[in-house]
Amino acid sequence: MSTHTVRRGAGATVVRMAFDPGAVARAFSEHRFDEALDHLAADVKWTIVGGMVLEGADAVRRTCRDTLASLKGTSVEFDRRVTAGGADVVAVDTVARYVRPDGVTAVASCAIYEFADDKIAAITSYAVEVDPADPGAQPPPHM
């Protein structure tokens, strides 16, 4: 972990705060983007496996804003949060329930975050819809 210096007030009090890549990765994976977006490298690459590849911080920020907009009126509950890794690579495994007035969707996901100089340089995300009642089972068929 590296540290950052913050100066408070005219007295130049110096506070050293440790950068925590696990906290940044968890925030991103839990849709708390406001806590993570300042940590994007300008040339970040986000690979959403089976979906799309986003290149650059602006594209990632735009997708995060769109994600938050699509979650308006939705309660997000996490049944599982597991974080593993170190200073340069962090993996976050989650099972989330998205509760809307019209029903519940559950998604199991894993994202691998690669850091360089305290910035997210790359994200690789995997996600699959699962049965909300049994995350280890196949999702119910769509009607």
Protein backbone atom coordinates (compact mmCIF):
# COMPACT_ATOMS: atom_id res chain seq x y z
CA MET A 1 0.00 0.00 0.00
CA SER A 2 1.23 3.44 -0.77
CA THR A 3 0.43 6.56 1.19
CA HIS A 4 -0.93 9.95 0.25
CA THR A 5 -0.23 13.19 2.04
CA VAL A 6 -3.14 15.46 2.91
CA ARG A 7 -2.64 18.96 4.30
CA ARG A 8 -5.36 20.28 6.58
CA GLY A 9 -5.78 23.91 7.57
CA ALA A 10 -3.24 26.71 7.57
CA GLY A 11 -1.10 24.89 10.14
CA ALA A 12 0.04 22.38 7.49
CA THR A 13 -0.86 19.32 9.55
CA VAL A 14 0.19 16.31 7.50
CA VAL A 15 -1.90 13.19 7.60
CA ARG A 16 -0.74 10.05 5.81
CA MET A 17 -3.54 7.90 4.46
CA ALA A 18 -2.85 4.46 3.02
CA PHE A 19 -4.26 3.71 -0.42
CA ASP A 20 -6.34 0.53 -0.17
CA PRO A 21 -6.82 -1.19 -3.56
CA GLY A 22 -9.21 -3.71 -1.97
CA ALA A 23 -11.52 -0.93 -0.76
CA VAL A 24 -11.49 0.73 -4.19
CA ALA A 25 -12.24 -2.57 -5.95
CA ARG A 26 -15.06 -3.42 -3.50
CA ALA A 27 -16.60 0.02 -3.97
CA PHE A 28 -16.60 -0.38 -7.75
CA SER A 29 -18.04 -3.92 -7.58
CA GLU A 30 -20.78 -2.76 -5.21
CA HIS A 31 -21.84 0.13 -7.51
CA ARG A 32 -20.43 2.74 -5.10
CA PHE A 33 -18.74 4.36 -8.07
CA ASP A 34 -18.30 7.76 -6.42
CA GLU A 35 -15.72 6.09 -4.14
CA ALA A 36 -13.83 4.45 -7.01
CA LEU A 37 -13.95 6.61 -10.13
CA ASP A 38 -11.19 8.98 -8.98
CA HIS A 39 -8.91 5.94 -9.01
CA LEU A 40 -9.28 5.18 -12.73
CA ALA A 41 -6.20 5.43 -14.93
CA ALA A 42 -6.83 7.65 -17.96
CA ASP A 43 -6.28 4.65 -20.25
CA VAL A 44 -8.16 2.08 -18.14
CA LYS A 45 -9.54 -0.93 -20.04
CA TRP A 46 -12.69 -2.66 -18.74
CA THR A 47 -13.45 -6.02 -20.31
CA ILE A 48 -16.96 -7.23 -19.56
CA VAL A 49 -16.55 -10.82 -20.70
CA GLY A 50 -19.26 -11.80 -23.16
CA GLY A 51 -20.44 -8.20 -23.37
CA MET A 52 -18.10 -5.40 -24.38
CA VAL A 53 -14.73 -3.77 -23.91
CA LEU A 54 -14.55 -0.18 -22.69
CA GLU A 55 -11.38 1.82 -23.22
CA GLY A 56 -10.55 5.00 -21.34
CA ALA A 57 -11.75 6.58 -18.12
CA ASP A 58 -14.50 8.57 -19.85
CA ALA A 59 -16.08 5.43 -21.31
CA VAL A 60 -15.95 3.68 -17.93
CA ARG A 61 -17.45 6.71 -16.14
CA ARG A 62 -20.25 6.93 -18.70
CA THR A 63 -21.09 3.24 -18.26
CA CYS A 64 -21.08 3.63 -14.47
CA ARG A 65 -23.48 6.60 -14.72
CA ASP A 66 -25.73 4.56 -17.03
CA THR A 67 -25.62 1.65 -14.58
CA LEU A 68 -26.67 3.87 -11.68
CA ALA A 69 -29.49 5.37 -13.79
CA SER A 70 -30.75 1.88 -14.65
CA LEU A 71 -30.80 1.00 -10.93
CA LYS A 72 -33.14 3.88 -9.97
CA GLY A 73 -35.94 2.44 -7.84
CA THR A 74 -33.97 -0.79 -7.33
CA SER A 75 -32.75 -2.07 -4.00
CA VAL A 76 -29.40 -3.84 -4.24
CA GLU A 77 -28.61 -6.42 -1.58
CA PHE A 78 -25.35 -8.36 -1.44
CA ASP A 79 -25.58 -11.97 -0.25
CA ARG A 80 -21.85 -12.53 -0.82
CA ARG A 81 -18.79 -10.27 -0.81
CA VAL A 82 -15.34 -11.84 -0.97
CA THR A 83 -12.22 -9.84 -1.75
CA ALA A 84 -8.78 -11.34 -2.35
CA GLY A 85 -5.56 -9.90 -3.60
CA GLY A 86 -2.78 -7.51 -2.89
CA ALA A 87 -1.40 -4.15 -3.92
CA ASP A 88 -1.44 -4.71 -7.69
CA VAL A 89 -4.29 -7.17 -8.30
CA VAL A 90 -7.59 -7.56 -6.44
CA ALA A 91 -10.49 -9.92 -7.17
CA VAL A 92 -14.00 -9.24 -5.86
CA ASP A 93 -16.58 -12.05 -5.90
CA THR A 94 -20.18 -11.05 -5.24
CA VAL A 95 -23.72 -12.35 -5.36
CA ALA A 96 -26.16 -9.46 -5.59
CA ARG A 97 -29.96 -9.33 -5.54
CA TYR A 98 -31.61 -6.54 -7.50
CA VAL A 99 -35.08 -6.04 -6.01
CA ARG A 100 -37.56 -4.11 -8.17
CA PRO A 101 -41.31 -3.72 -7.88
CA ASP A 102 -41.67 -6.27 -10.72
CA GLY A 103 -39.42 -8.94 -9.17
CA VAL A 104 -35.98 -10.00 -8.09
CA THR A 105 -32.93 -10.74 -10.20
CA ALA A 106 -29.76 -12.24 -8.75
CA VAL A 107 -26.31 -11.99 -10.32
CA ALA A 108 -23.13 -13.79 -9.35
CA SER A 109 -20.06 -11.91 -10.50
CA CYS A 110 -16.33 -11.73 -10.20
CA ALA A 111 -14.16 -8.81 -11.22
CA ILE A 112 -10.40 -8.71 -11.34
CA TYR A 113 -8.86 -5.26 -10.85
CA GLU A 114 -5.29 -4.54 -11.94
CA PHE A 115 -3.65 -1.50 -10.37
CA ALA A 116 -0.68 0.61 -11.45
CA ASP A 117 0.46 3.65 -9.46
CA ASP A 118 -2.67 3.58 -7.25
CA LYS A 119 -4.94 3.67 -10.30
CA ILE A 120 -7.18 0.99 -11.80
CA ALA A 121 -5.40 0.10 -15.05
CA ALA A 122 -7.65 -2.79 -16.07
CA ILE A 123 -10.84 -4.53 -14.99
CA THR A 124 -12.03 -7.92 -16.21
CA SER A 125 -15.61 -8.71 -15.16
CA TYR A 126 -17.56 -11.95 -15.34
CA ALA A 127 -21.26 -12.11 -14.44
CA VAL A 128 -24.06 -14.62 -14.68
CA GLU A 129 -27.69 -14.43 -13.66
CA VAL A 130 -28.57 -17.00 -10.99
CA ASP A 131 -31.71 -18.21 -9.26
CA PRO A 132 -32.45 -15.67 -6.48
CA ALA A 133 -33.58 -18.50 -4.18
CA ASP A 134 -30.48 -20.65 -4.86
CA PRO A 135 -27.43 -18.81 -6.23
CA GLY A 136 -25.69 -22.13 -6.94
CA ALA A 137 -28.47 -23.25 -9.31
CA GLN A 138 -29.32 -22.20 -12.85
CA PRO A 139 -31.49 -19.09 -13.21
CA PRO A 140 -35.21 -19.60 -13.80
CA PRO A 141 -36.18 -19.62 -17.48
CA HIS A 142 -37.34 -16.27 -18.88
CA MET A 143 -40.94 -16.12 -19.93
